[in-house]
Amino acid sequence: MATVLVTGGTGFVGAHTIARLLDDGHTVRTTVRDPGRATVFGDRVATVTADLRHDDGWARAAAGAEYVLHVASPFPAGTPAHEDDVIVPARDGALRVLRAARDAGVRRVVMTSSFAAVGYGWGATDRVFTEADWTRTDGPGVTPYIASKAVAERAAWDFVDAEGGGLELAVINPVGIFGPVLGGGLSPSVRIIAAMLDGGMRIAPPVWTQLVDVRDVADAHLRAMTSPAAAGQRYLALSGTPVSFAEIGRILRAHLGDAAAKAPTRTAPAALIRLLARFSPRLNDLVPQLGVVRRADNTKLRDELGWTPRPTDETVIATARSLTHR
């Protein structure tokens, strides 16, 4: 068993990844921005205060670790005043983690990137995206957050190539991450399910997403951490085919009964969403995604690392049930 540093351990993916590492018998350390913010794992996990925007703490966090799982990444609460407000912390934060890992003699870093670094900026297309593709940051529909994922991942690969020494890098590129909530706040994807359950989304926008279960994302990280084949590779993590928001609503209605009585099963016209978006910044971010169906291929992760994702229905139901039990 190894000593593993997980950045952002209080987040959705970080918490599930830590839980899996502990189950497998690893010694786990995690980083927190706020020293007063405890993790759900108590004294089973050592914490180090470190912020992606500053150098302090990263050398101590990485010291003695054999592996680093870099899960932390800034996610803006709203549209930032300037794109650099989200791009710079994501890029520079990744580089801080990589430098600290290299200097500490870490064997491998597994970085959580995103499908946002792979399949955006292409407009409407029938293309099935693979790990060979990159988001065109100057293309249509690319928000600052989407651009930040592509910029940060490219910077990570460039750093390892030019300055990494013996440090290995592997990257996981998940699509929309759903699944059971362990504690703390809700991720943006889980908030979609929450809005469907509580009536906040009474009619579905014409938006499609590909899903992956957070437990399967954690599994992908652990497989990429130890597999010799994963060094120098990126992996798309997704389950099944794209699903519309209305289809998600129908899954909820079919399996949760009264708890999902408010879930939407009808789709709003795109023109209505565009009209409402003039008065709602939250809806305005959806406009470039209206009617766009993006497809990706998980063959590489399944074939090279033996990864098997849960079905979409199972993930949607598990997400909703965890919310109803909170």
Protein backbone atom coordinates (compact mmCIF):
# COMPACT_ATOMS: atom_id res chain seq x y z
CA MET A 1 0.00 0.00 0.00
CA ALA A 2 1.11 3.57 -0.72
CA THR A 3 0.94 7.06 0.71
CA VAL A 4 -1.32 9.10 -1.57
CA LEU A 5 -1.98 12.84 -1.63
CA VAL A 6 -5.45 13.83 -2.87
CA THR A 7 -5.89 17.53 -3.59
CA GLY A 8 -9.35 18.91 -3.00
CA GLY A 9 -10.41 16.06 -0.75
CA THR A 10 -13.50 17.87 0.53
CA GLY A 11 -15.03 18.02 -2.96
CA PHE A 12 -17.40 15.55 -4.62
CA VAL A 13 -14.81 13.55 -6.58
CA GLY A 14 -12.11 14.01 -3.94
CA ALA A 15 -14.24 12.59 -1.13
CA HIS A 16 -15.21 9.50 -3.13
CA THR A 17 -11.61 9.00 -4.21
CA ILE A 18 -10.40 9.17 -0.62
CA ALA A 19 -13.08 6.71 0.47
CA ARG A 20 -11.92 4.25 -2.16
CA LEU A 21 -8.25 4.69 -1.24
CA LEU A 22 -9.02 4.05 2.42
CA ASP A 23 -11.04 0.97 1.55
CA ASP A 24 -8.04 -0.32 -0.40
CA GLY A 25 -5.72 0.21 2.57
CA HIS A 26 -3.72 3.24 1.40
CA THR A 27 -2.44 6.00 3.68
CA VAL A 28 -4.18 9.21 2.58
CA ARG A 29 -3.37 12.89 2.94
CA THR A 30 -5.48 15.70 1.50
CA THR A 31 -5.32 19.45 1.05
CA VAL A 32 -7.86 22.00 2.25
CA ARG A 33 -7.96 25.73 1.61
CA ASP A 34 -9.60 26.49 4.95
CA PRO A 35 -7.83 24.88 7.96
CA GLY A 36 -11.13 24.91 9.84
CA ARG A 37 -12.88 22.79 7.24
CA ALA A 38 -12.80 19.17 8.39
CA THR A 39 -13.16 16.26 6.02
CA VAL A 40 -15.86 13.63 6.40
CA PHE A 41 -13.12 11.10 7.21
CA GLY A 42 -11.95 12.64 10.48
CA ASP A 43 -8.56 11.48 11.76
CA ARG A 44 -8.30 8.73 9.15
CA VAL A 45 -6.97 11.35 6.72
CA ALA A 46 -4.19 13.86 7.39
CA THR A 47 -4.90 17.38 6.14
CA VAL A 48 -2.54 20.08 4.94
CA THR A 49 -3.60 23.67 4.30
CA ALA A 50 -2.78 24.63 0.71
CA ASP A 51 -4.42 26.87 -1.88
CA LEU A 52 -4.03 26.47 -5.65
CA ARG A 53 -3.45 30.24 -5.87
CA HIS A 54 -0.42 30.24 -3.55
CA ASP A 55 2.83 28.30 -3.13
CA ASP A 56 2.55 27.80 0.63
CA GLY A 57 1.87 24.28 1.83
CA TRP A 58 2.37 22.30 -1.36
CA ALA A 59 5.88 21.05 -0.56
CA ARG A 60 4.68 19.78 2.81
CA ALA A 61 1.59 18.20 1.24
CA ALA A 62 3.61 16.24 -1.30
CA ALA A 63 6.47 15.18 0.99
CA GLY A 64 6.65 11.42 1.34
CA ALA A 65 3.81 10.71 -1.09
CA GLU A 66 4.27 8.02 -3.71
CA TYR A 67 1.29 9.19 -5.75
CA VAL A 68 -0.65 12.45 -6.10
CA LEU A 69 -4.24 12.55 -7.32
CA HIS A 70 -4.80 16.17 -8.34
CA VAL A 71 -8.57 16.48 -8.14
CA ALA A 72 -8.93 20.10 -6.98
CA SER A 73 -9.85 22.75 -9.53
CA PRO A 74 -11.57 26.14 -9.29
CA PHE A 75 -15.25 26.14 -10.28
CA PRO A 76 -16.79 29.63 -10.49
CA ALA A 77 -20.06 30.28 -8.66
CA GLY A 78 -21.15 32.41 -11.59
CA THR A 79 -19.76 33.99 -14.73
CA PRO A 80 -16.39 35.52 -13.76
CA ALA A 81 -15.68 39.18 -14.44
CA HIS A 82 -12.70 38.10 -16.56
CA GLU A 83 -11.83 34.70 -17.96
CA ASP A 84 -8.41 34.81 -16.27
CA ASP A 85 -10.19 34.74 -12.90
CA VAL A 86 -10.80 31.02 -13.49
CA ILE A 87 -8.20 30.13 -16.13
CA VAL A 88 -5.14 31.37 -14.23
CA PRO A 89 -5.89 29.58 -10.92
CA ALA A 90 -6.63 26.31 -12.75
CA ARG A 91 -3.44 26.45 -14.82
CA ASP A 92 -1.10 27.80 -12.14
CA GLY A 93 -2.61 25.52 -9.51
CA ALA A 94 -1.92 22.44 -11.61
CA LEU A 95 1.66 23.59 -12.12
CA ARG A 96 2.14 24.17 -8.37
CA VAL A 97 0.98 20.63 -7.66
CA LEU A 98 3.22 19.16 -10.37
CA ARG A 99 6.29 21.07 -9.19
CA ALA A 100 5.73 19.99 -5.61
CA ALA A 101 5.25 16.38 -6.73
CA ARG A 102 8.40 16.41 -8.85
CA ASP A 103 10.48 17.98 -6.09
CA ALA A 104 9.17 15.45 -3.56
CA GLY A 105 10.08 12.49 -5.75
CA VAL A 106 6.47 11.44 -6.36
CA ARG A 107 6.20 8.57 -8.82
CA ARG A 108 3.03 9.60 -10.66
CA VAL A 109 0.40 12.34 -10.67
CA VAL A 110 -3.11 11.52 -11.86
CA MET A 111 -4.86 14.76 -12.79
CA THR A 112 -8.61 15.21 -12.99
CA SER A 113 -9.28 17.14 -16.17
CA SER A 114 -12.63 17.01 -17.97
CA PHE A 115 -14.44 16.30 -21.20
CA ALA A 116 -14.46 20.11 -21.26
CA ALA A 117 -10.81 19.85 -22.35
CA VAL A 118 -11.73 17.45 -25.17
CA GLY A 119 -15.02 18.11 -26.94
CA TYR A 120 -15.99 21.79 -26.88
CA GLY A 121 -15.57 24.62 -29.36
CA TRP A 122 -16.60 22.46 -32.33
CA GLY A 123 -20.21 23.60 -32.63
CA ALA A 124 -22.85 21.09 -33.71
CA THR A 125 -21.04 17.99 -34.96
CA ASP A 126 -21.54 14.25 -35.40
CA ARG A 127 -17.94 13.69 -34.31
CA VAL A 128 -17.40 11.03 -31.65
CA PHE A 129 -14.66 12.50 -29.46
CA THR A 130 -11.68 10.49 -28.28
CA GLU A 131 -8.57 11.21 -26.22
CA ALA A 132 -6.87 12.44 -29.39
CA ASP A 133 -9.19 15.48 -29.48
CA TRP A 134 -8.78 18.84 -27.77
CA THR A 135 -11.27 21.60 -27.10
CA ARG A 136 -10.83 24.61 -29.35
CA THR A 137 -10.72 27.38 -26.77
CA ASP A 138 -11.54 30.03 -29.37
CA GLY A 139 -14.49 28.04 -30.73
CA PRO A 140 -18.23 28.58 -30.22
CA GLY A 141 -19.81 27.99 -26.83
CA VAL A 142 -16.56 27.90 -24.85
CA THR A 143 -17.04 29.50 -21.44
CA PRO A 144 -14.12 30.57 -19.22
CA TYR A 145 -14.55 27.42 -17.13
CA ILE A 146 -14.40 25.16 -20.20
CA ALA A 147 -11.33 27.02 -21.44
CA SER A 148 -9.70 26.67 -18.02
CA LYS A 149 -9.85 22.88 -18.20
CA ALA A 150 -8.18 22.75 -21.61
CA VAL A 151 -5.53 25.35 -20.72
CA ALA A 152 -4.71 23.68 -17.39
CA GLU A 153 -4.38 20.22 -18.90
CA ARG A 154 -2.19 21.38 -21.77
CA ALA A 155 0.02 23.25 -19.29
CA ALA A 156 0.36 20.06 -17.23
CA TRP A 157 1.49 17.97 -20.20
CA ASP A 158 3.90 20.70 -21.31
CA PHE A 159 5.39 20.91 -17.81
CA VAL A 160 5.97 17.16 -17.53
CA ASP A 161 7.54 17.06 -20.99
CA ALA A 162 9.88 19.99 -20.33
CA GLU A 163 10.53 19.96 -16.57
CA GLY A 164 9.04 16.82 -15.09
CA GLY A 165 12.23 14.84 -14.70
CA GLY A 166 11.12 11.31 -13.81
CA LEU A 167 7.58 12.36 -12.83
CA GLU A 168 4.80 10.46 -14.64
CA LEU A 169 1.45 12.01 -15.52
CA ALA A 170 -1.91 10.41 -16.33
CA VAL A 171 -5.14 12.35 -16.89
CA ILE A 172 -8.79 11.41 -16.39
CA ASN A 173 -11.32 13.35 -18.50
CA PRO A 174 -14.81 12.73 -17.07
CA VAL A 175 -18.07 13.94 -18.58
CA GLY A 176 -20.86 15.17 -16.24
CA ILE A 177 -20.23 13.55 -12.85
CA PHE A 178 -23.26 12.31 -10.96
CA GLY A 179 -23.71 9.82 -8.12
CA PRO A 180 -24.32 9.59 -4.38
CA VAL A 181 -23.40 12.58 -2.24
CA LEU A 182 -21.08 11.85 0.70
CA GLY A 183 -21.46 15.20 2.42
CA GLY A 184 -20.81 18.89 2.08
CA GLY A 185 -22.09 21.02 -0.81
CA LEU A 186 -23.57 19.80 -4.06
CA SER A 187 -21.59 19.64 -7.29
CA PRO A 188 -23.02 21.42 -10.35
CA SER A 189 -24.14 18.13 -11.89
CA VAL A 190 -25.84 16.93 -8.72
CA ARG A 191 -27.64 20.28 -8.48
CA ILE A 192 -29.39 19.36 -11.74
CA ILE A 193 -30.96 16.34 -10.04
CA ALA A 194 -31.75 18.39 -6.94
CA ALA A 195 -33.54 21.01 -9.04
CA MET A 196 -35.60 18.31 -10.72
CA LEU A 197 -36.63 16.81 -7.39
CA ASP A 198 -37.50 20.05 -5.60
CA GLY A 199 -39.41 21.65 -8.48
CA GLY A 200 -36.74 24.15 -9.38
CA MET A 201 -36.74 22.75 -12.92
CA ARG A 202 -40.38 22.24 -13.87
CA ILE A 203 -39.69 21.84 -17.57
CA ALA A 204 -36.44 20.57 -19.07
CA PRO A 205 -34.32 22.68 -21.39
CA PRO A 206 -33.34 20.98 -24.66
CA VAL A 207 -29.93 19.97 -23.30
CA TRP A 208 -28.14 16.63 -23.51
CA THR A 209 -25.31 15.36 -21.35
CA GLN A 210 -23.18 12.29 -21.01
CA LEU A 211 -22.95 10.91 -17.48
CA VAL A 212 -20.44 9.07 -15.36
CA ASP A 213 -20.81 7.86 -11.80
CA VAL A 214 -18.52 9.54 -9.26
CA ARG A 215 -17.64 6.10 -7.86
CA ASP A 216 -16.46 5.05 -11.31
CA VAL A 217 -14.44 8.26 -11.64
CA ALA A 218 -12.70 7.39 -8.36
CA ASP A 219 -12.08 3.88 -9.69
CA ALA A 220 -10.57 5.30 -12.88
CA HIS A 221 -8.17 7.41 -10.83
CA LEU A 222 -6.95 4.42 -8.84
CA ARG A 223 -6.49 2.33 -11.97
CA ALA A 224 -4.55 5.16 -13.64
CA MET A 225 -2.48 5.57 -10.48
CA THR A 226 -0.99 2.10 -10.53
CA SER A 227 -1.25 0.73 -14.06
CA PRO A 228 2.05 0.83 -15.99
CA ALA A 229 0.02 1.43 -19.17
CA ALA A 230 -1.42 4.71 -17.87
CA ALA A 231 1.81 6.72 -17.75
CA GLY A 232 1.62 9.53 -20.29
CA GLN A 233 -2.02 8.81 -21.17
CA ARG A 234 -5.36 10.60 -20.93
CA TYR A 235 -8.65 8.72 -20.52
CA LEU A 236 -12.24 9.73 -21.22
CA ALA A 237 -14.57 8.53 -18.45
CA LEU A 238 -18.23 8.18 -19.41
CA SER A 239 -21.11 5.74 -19.29
CA GLY A 240 -23.42 5.02 -22.20
CA THR A 241 -24.83 7.45 -24.72
CA PRO A 242 -25.96 11.07 -24.28
CA VAL A 243 -29.16 11.54 -22.30
CA SER A 244 -31.48 14.54 -22.37
CA PHE A 245 -32.58 16.38 -19.24
CA ALA A 246 -36.14 15.23 -19.98
CA GLU A 247 -34.96 11.61 -20.09
CA ILE A 248 -33.29 12.07 -16.71
CA GLY A 249 -36.60 13.37 -15.39
CA ARG A 250 -38.40 10.30 -16.72
CA ILE A 251 -35.86 7.99 -15.06
CA LEU A 252 -36.48 9.76 -11.76
CA ARG A 253 -40.26 9.52 -12.10
CA ALA A 254 -40.06 5.82 -12.96
CA HIS A 255 -37.95 4.82 -9.95
CA LEU A 256 -38.56 7.30 -7.13
CA GLY A 257 -42.34 7.64 -7.17
CA ASP A 258 -43.68 10.53 -5.09
CA ALA A 259 -40.16 11.78 -4.30
CA ALA A 260 -39.75 12.61 -8.00
CA ALA A 261 -43.28 13.87 -8.65
CA LYS A 262 -41.93 17.29 -9.68
CA ALA A 263 -39.25 15.98 -12.06
CA PRO A 264 -39.69 17.36 -15.59
CA THR A 265 -40.60 15.01 -18.42
CA ARG A 266 -41.34 17.60 -21.10
CA THR A 267 -38.81 19.70 -22.99
CA ALA A 268 -39.08 23.47 -23.35
CA PRO A 269 -38.64 25.02 -26.80
CA ALA A 270 -35.15 26.38 -27.33
CA ALA A 271 -36.63 29.76 -28.26
CA LEU A 272 -38.24 30.02 -24.82
CA ILE A 273 -34.96 29.30 -23.06
CA ARG A 274 -33.19 31.92 -25.17
CA LEU A 275 -35.87 34.47 -24.24
CA LEU A 276 -35.67 33.69 -20.53
CA ALA A 277 -31.87 33.74 -20.67
CA ARG A 278 -31.98 37.48 -21.31
CA PHE A 279 -33.05 37.89 -17.70
CA SER A 280 -31.12 35.01 -16.09
CA PRO A 281 -27.32 34.63 -16.15
CA ARG A 282 -27.74 30.99 -15.10
CA LEU A 283 -29.86 30.23 -18.18
CA ASN A 284 -27.62 32.34 -20.37
CA ASP A 285 -24.78 29.85 -19.80
CA LEU A 286 -27.04 27.12 -21.24
CA VAL A 287 -27.76 28.89 -24.53
CA PRO A 288 -24.67 27.59 -26.41
CA GLN A 289 -25.58 24.03 -25.34
CA LEU A 290 -29.21 24.07 -26.54
CA GLY A 291 -29.84 21.20 -28.92
CA VAL A 292 -26.15 20.23 -29.06
CA VAL A 293 -25.47 16.52 -28.55
CA ARG A 294 -21.83 15.66 -27.86
CA ARG A 295 -20.66 12.06 -28.07
CA ALA A 296 -17.48 10.51 -26.74
CA ASP A 297 -15.86 7.07 -26.65
CA ASN A 298 -14.72 5.31 -23.46
CA THR A 299 -13.05 2.39 -25.27
CA LYS A 300 -9.52 3.34 -24.23
CA LEU A 301 -10.27 3.40 -20.51
CA ARG A 302 -12.20 0.13 -20.69
CA ASP A 303 -9.65 -1.71 -22.81
CA GLU A 304 -6.38 -0.43 -21.32
CA LEU A 305 -7.34 -0.23 -17.64
CA GLY A 306 -10.16 -2.77 -17.40
CA TRP A 307 -12.66 -0.11 -16.31
CA THR A 308 -16.39 -0.87 -16.30
CA PRO A 309 -18.82 2.01 -15.68
CA ARG A 310 -22.23 1.77 -14.07
CA PRO A 311 -25.31 2.19 -16.30
CA THR A 312 -26.78 5.69 -16.59
CA ASP A 313 -30.06 4.74 -14.90
CA GLU A 314 -28.24 3.36 -11.85
CA THR A 315 -26.21 6.54 -11.47
CA VAL A 316 -29.21 8.85 -11.80
CA ILE A 317 -31.20 6.84 -9.25
CA ALA A 318 -28.27 6.69 -6.78
CA THR A 319 -27.82 10.46 -7.05
CA ALA A 320 -31.48 11.14 -6.34
CA ARG A 321 -31.76 8.68 -3.46
CA SER A 322 -28.74 10.19 -1.75
CA LEU A 323 -30.41 13.60 -1.99
CA THR A 324 -33.72 12.40 -0.59
CA HIS A 325 -31.88 10.83 2.38
CA ARG A 326 -29.88 13.96 3.25
